[in-house]
Structure formats: structure tokens, C-alpha cells
Amino acid sequence: MTAFGVAGDEMTELRSLEEANEVSAVRLVSKRQKAKVGDIFRLSPVEGIFLWGRLIKRGSFFGLDADFNLIYIYDAIGPDRPSPTSLSSQNLMIGPSVVNNLGWARGYWQIVASEPVMPGDALDHHFFIRYHGTGSTLDYDIVDEQGHAVRSPKVEKTELAQSGFGNFNSIDWQLRAILRKRGII
């Protein structure tokens, strides 16, 4: 089995299902948490390294009739809550990602605050990469939140994530790849 995921501006290849399911994230809280839109949370892909995220939107994505979470992971590293400018939609480490509730429910994502999401806190549009499944990283479409192809969107690489649904683990391995590339881990 070979699976791909977007990590920064490159693809990361997972060599097995076991590797894809291996949990490397650090559990930060022992009790289940229920997240709501506007929650600011921290996560730790490696002991002693903290990153910050926010639940931006809850809704249905890619044509499915079920609610999921759209999160931002910011390019802000440190144990203490970063400045408001660091928690900006212009400062994303990975593209907006659609995830389930497991990060909070299993204690890997620690909610530290909640604030209303204001119009300036979110990107105007959310776009995603949908691979055609040919094995080529060059064979893809850019799609919107409903899964419809978008022609020639003006979007930065850090504003794109793979279409589909993830969880704390898929976010964790993307972040670990970026931190490795930066020489932080």
C-alpha cells in the first residue's frame, strides 16, 4: 500500500497501513473534550514541541451529508499561546484541513481558549487538492469545500490541503515532516 499526503510543499509517502495508523502525537489531556467553532488549541507532535490550531468551521464537506471540522494549524511554535498576529490565516503551517473529532476526544489537542471566529480570522475561500489516484503527484484537481473543481484559483501552497477527511494522526505526520525538514526534530 502506498498513500500520499501533502506536507508543506512536498508529498510524503507512507509505506504501509501500519505506518499511517501509528500514533506519534503526544497526549496532552486525559479527559475527553468537545470542541466548538472558535476554539484555539495546542498540539504536540513531539515531546516538548507545541504547535497551535483553531477550529474555524463545522459543516459538511465534499458533498457528504455529515458534519466535520475545518481547522487551521498555524506556523507558531511554543508552549505559550502566541500573539494574535501569529494566529492569522496568513500564517498557516499546512493548508486548512477537514478532520473528525478524535484529536480533542482522545486528548491529543488541548483546548486553551475560545473566541468567536471573525471574518478576518478565516480565508475567503478554502481550496483542496484532489488527486486522481493515478499515483502521479501531478495528476490532480483543485476543489472547493463541496468537492467541485475550481479553475485557476489564486491560492498559496500553504492554503491547500488534501481533499478528504483526516484526524489528529494525519495532521501529526504532516507536521512532523515539516518539522524534520526545518531541522527542528
Protein backbone atom coordinates (compact mmCIF):
# COMPACT_ATOMS: atom_id res chain seq x y z
CA MET A 1 0.00 0.00 0.00
CA THR A 2 1.24 3.47 -0.84
CA ALA A 3 -0.56 6.57 0.37
CA PHE A 4 0.39 10.17 -0.13
CA GLY A 5 -0.20 13.26 1.96
CA VAL A 6 0.66 16.90 1.44
CA ALA A 7 3.25 18.18 3.90
CA GLY A 8 4.25 21.74 3.17
CA ASP A 9 5.17 21.92 -0.50
CA GLU A 10 6.02 18.26 -0.99
CA MET A 11 4.44 14.85 -0.85
CA THR A 12 5.17 12.36 1.92
CA GLU A 13 4.91 8.70 1.04
CA LEU A 14 3.60 6.29 3.64
CA ARG A 15 4.90 2.79 3.05
CA SER A 16 2.29 0.80 4.97
CA LEU A 17 -1.09 0.93 6.67
CA GLU A 18 0.69 0.37 9.98
CA GLU A 19 2.83 3.47 9.39
CA ALA A 20 -0.28 5.50 8.54
CA ASN A 21 -2.00 4.38 11.74
CA GLU A 22 1.00 4.69 14.07
CA VAL A 23 0.27 7.32 16.72
CA SER A 24 3.24 9.55 17.44
CA ALA A 25 1.35 12.59 18.77
CA VAL A 26 1.72 13.45 22.45
CA ARG A 27 -1.46 13.17 24.54
CA LEU A 28 -1.88 16.50 26.37
CA VAL A 29 -5.07 15.91 28.39
CA SER A 30 -6.57 12.78 29.89
CA LYS A 31 -10.24 13.77 29.65
CA ARG A 32 -12.41 13.88 26.55
CA GLN A 33 -13.02 17.36 25.17
CA LYS A 34 -15.78 18.52 22.85
CA ALA A 35 -14.57 21.28 20.57
CA LYS A 36 -16.65 24.12 19.21
CA VAL A 37 -16.08 26.66 16.47
CA GLY A 38 -13.61 29.30 17.63
CA ASP A 39 -11.67 27.02 19.96
CA ILE A 40 -7.94 27.64 19.99
CA PHE A 41 -5.96 24.50 20.76
CA ARG A 42 -2.42 23.33 21.06
CA LEU A 43 -0.95 20.05 19.92
CA SER A 44 2.38 18.36 20.32
CA PRO A 45 3.77 16.18 17.53
CA VAL A 46 6.94 15.61 19.61
CA GLU A 47 7.53 15.82 23.35
CA GLY A 48 8.34 19.45 24.27
CA ILE A 49 7.29 20.98 20.93
CA PHE A 50 3.90 22.69 20.78
CA LEU A 51 2.01 23.99 17.76
CA TRP A 52 -1.24 25.93 17.68
CA GLY A 53 -4.51 25.48 15.83
CA ARG A 54 -8.08 26.68 15.68
CA LEU A 55 -11.44 25.18 14.80
CA ILE A 56 -12.65 27.59 12.10
CA LYS A 57 -15.82 25.96 10.85
CA ARG A 58 -18.06 22.94 11.31
CA GLY A 59 -20.12 21.72 8.37
CA SER A 60 -20.47 19.23 5.56
CA PHE A 61 -17.63 18.96 3.06
CA PHE A 62 -17.00 17.34 -0.32
CA GLY A 63 -20.68 16.53 -0.89
CA LEU A 64 -21.19 14.35 2.19
CA ASP A 65 -24.17 14.78 4.47
CA ALA A 66 -22.26 14.74 7.77
CA ASP A 67 -20.60 17.43 9.85
CA PHE A 68 -16.82 17.62 10.09
CA ASN A 69 -14.37 20.26 11.32
CA LEU A 70 -12.29 22.69 9.28
CA ILE A 71 -9.15 23.54 11.23
CA TYR A 72 -6.17 25.79 10.75
CA ILE A 73 -2.72 24.85 12.05
CA TYR A 74 -0.61 27.96 12.44
CA ASP A 75 3.11 28.37 11.91
CA ALA A 76 3.55 29.20 15.57
CA ILE A 77 5.74 27.06 17.81
CA GLY A 78 5.95 27.33 21.59
CA PRO A 79 4.25 26.21 24.82
CA ASP A 80 2.54 29.56 25.46
CA ARG A 81 -0.29 30.98 23.42
CA PRO A 82 1.19 33.03 20.57
CA SER A 83 0.33 36.61 19.74
CA PRO A 84 -2.87 37.26 17.75
CA THR A 85 -0.82 38.05 14.64
CA SER A 86 0.70 34.55 14.80
CA LEU A 87 -2.82 33.08 14.87
CA SER A 88 -3.65 34.58 11.49
CA SER A 89 -4.97 32.90 8.36
CA GLN A 90 -1.90 34.35 6.65
CA ASN A 91 0.38 32.30 8.94
CA LEU A 92 -0.58 28.68 8.25
CA MET A 93 1.90 25.81 8.52
CA ILE A 94 -0.33 23.48 6.49
CA GLY A 95 -3.44 24.15 4.47
CA PRO A 96 -6.90 24.24 6.07
CA SER A 97 -7.76 20.65 6.90
CA VAL A 98 -11.03 18.78 7.34
CA VAL A 99 -10.88 16.46 10.36
CA ASN A 100 -13.05 14.44 12.70
CA ASN A 101 -13.31 14.99 16.48
CA LEU A 102 -10.69 12.44 17.59
CA GLY A 103 -7.92 14.99 18.27
CA TRP A 104 -9.98 16.54 21.05
CA ALA A 105 -11.86 13.41 22.14
CA ARG A 106 -8.65 11.43 22.67
CA GLY A 107 -6.77 14.30 24.34
CA TYR A 108 -4.15 14.98 21.67
CA TRP A 109 -5.43 18.50 21.07
CA GLN A 110 -5.80 20.67 24.17
CA ILE A 111 -8.37 23.46 24.04
CA VAL A 112 -6.90 26.55 25.71
CA ALA A 113 -9.35 29.29 24.72
CA SER A 114 -12.42 30.01 22.64
CA GLU A 115 -13.17 33.20 20.75
CA PRO A 116 -15.70 33.97 18.03
CA VAL A 117 -14.32 33.49 14.53
CA MET A 118 -14.40 36.93 12.94
CA PRO A 119 -14.41 37.44 9.13
CA GLY A 120 -10.73 38.40 9.14
CA ASP A 121 -9.78 35.21 11.01
CA ALA A 122 -10.61 32.92 8.09
CA LEU A 123 -9.54 32.75 4.47
CA ASP A 124 -12.13 33.99 1.97
CA HIS A 125 -12.18 30.59 0.24
CA HIS A 126 -10.96 27.12 1.14
CA PHE A 127 -9.46 25.03 -1.64
CA PHE A 128 -8.17 21.48 -1.55
CA ILE A 129 -6.10 19.15 -3.73
CA ARG A 130 -7.96 16.09 -5.06
CA TYR A 131 -5.63 13.52 -6.55
CA HIS A 132 -6.97 11.35 -9.35
CA GLY A 133 -5.45 8.19 -7.92
CA THR A 134 -3.04 7.51 -10.77
CA GLY A 135 -0.01 7.54 -8.48
CA SER A 136 1.29 10.76 -10.01
CA THR A 137 1.51 13.80 -7.76
CA LEU A 138 0.99 15.88 -10.91
CA ASP A 139 -2.47 14.42 -11.65
CA TYR A 140 -4.92 16.42 -9.54
CA ASP A 141 -7.70 18.98 -9.42
CA ILE A 142 -8.16 21.93 -7.09
CA VAL A 143 -11.61 21.66 -5.49
CA ASP A 144 -13.76 23.80 -3.20
CA GLU A 145 -15.42 22.77 0.07
CA GLN A 146 -18.19 20.99 -1.82
CA GLY A 147 -15.71 19.00 -3.92
CA HIS A 148 -16.34 20.92 -7.16
CA ALA A 149 -13.34 21.55 -9.39
CA VAL A 150 -12.17 25.16 -9.41
CA ARG A 151 -10.43 26.58 -12.46
CA SER A 152 -7.32 28.69 -11.94
CA PRO A 153 -7.75 29.60 -8.27
CA LYS A 154 -5.31 32.14 -6.89
CA VAL A 155 -4.05 30.30 -3.85
CA GLU A 156 -0.78 29.93 -1.96
CA LYS A 157 0.62 26.44 -1.33
CA THR A 158 0.14 26.86 2.43
CA GLU A 159 -3.57 27.44 1.80
CA LEU A 160 -4.06 23.96 0.30
CA ALA A 161 -4.62 20.61 1.97
CA GLN A 162 -5.63 17.28 0.51
CA SER A 163 -9.35 16.85 -0.06
CA GLY A 164 -10.77 14.21 2.17
CA PHE A 165 -11.05 13.68 5.87
CA GLY A 166 -8.27 13.36 8.38
CA ASN A 167 -7.76 13.18 12.09
CA PHE A 168 -5.12 14.07 14.66
CA ASN A 169 -2.82 11.40 13.26
CA SER A 170 -2.85 12.60 9.65
CA ILE A 171 -2.21 16.16 10.87
CA ASP A 172 0.58 14.90 13.14
CA TRP A 173 2.57 13.17 10.40
CA GLN A 174 2.27 16.21 8.12
CA LEU A 175 3.59 18.46 10.89
CA ARG A 176 6.40 16.04 11.77
CA ALA A 177 7.53 16.05 8.12
CA ILE A 178 7.66 19.86 8.13
CA LEU A 179 9.50 19.97 11.47
CA ARG A 180 12.03 17.40 10.17
CA LYS A 181 12.58 19.45 7.01
CA ARG A 182 13.20 22.55 9.15
CA GLY A 183 15.65 20.64 11.35
CA ILE A 184 13.54 21.09 14.50
CA ILE A 185 13.23 17.33 15.03
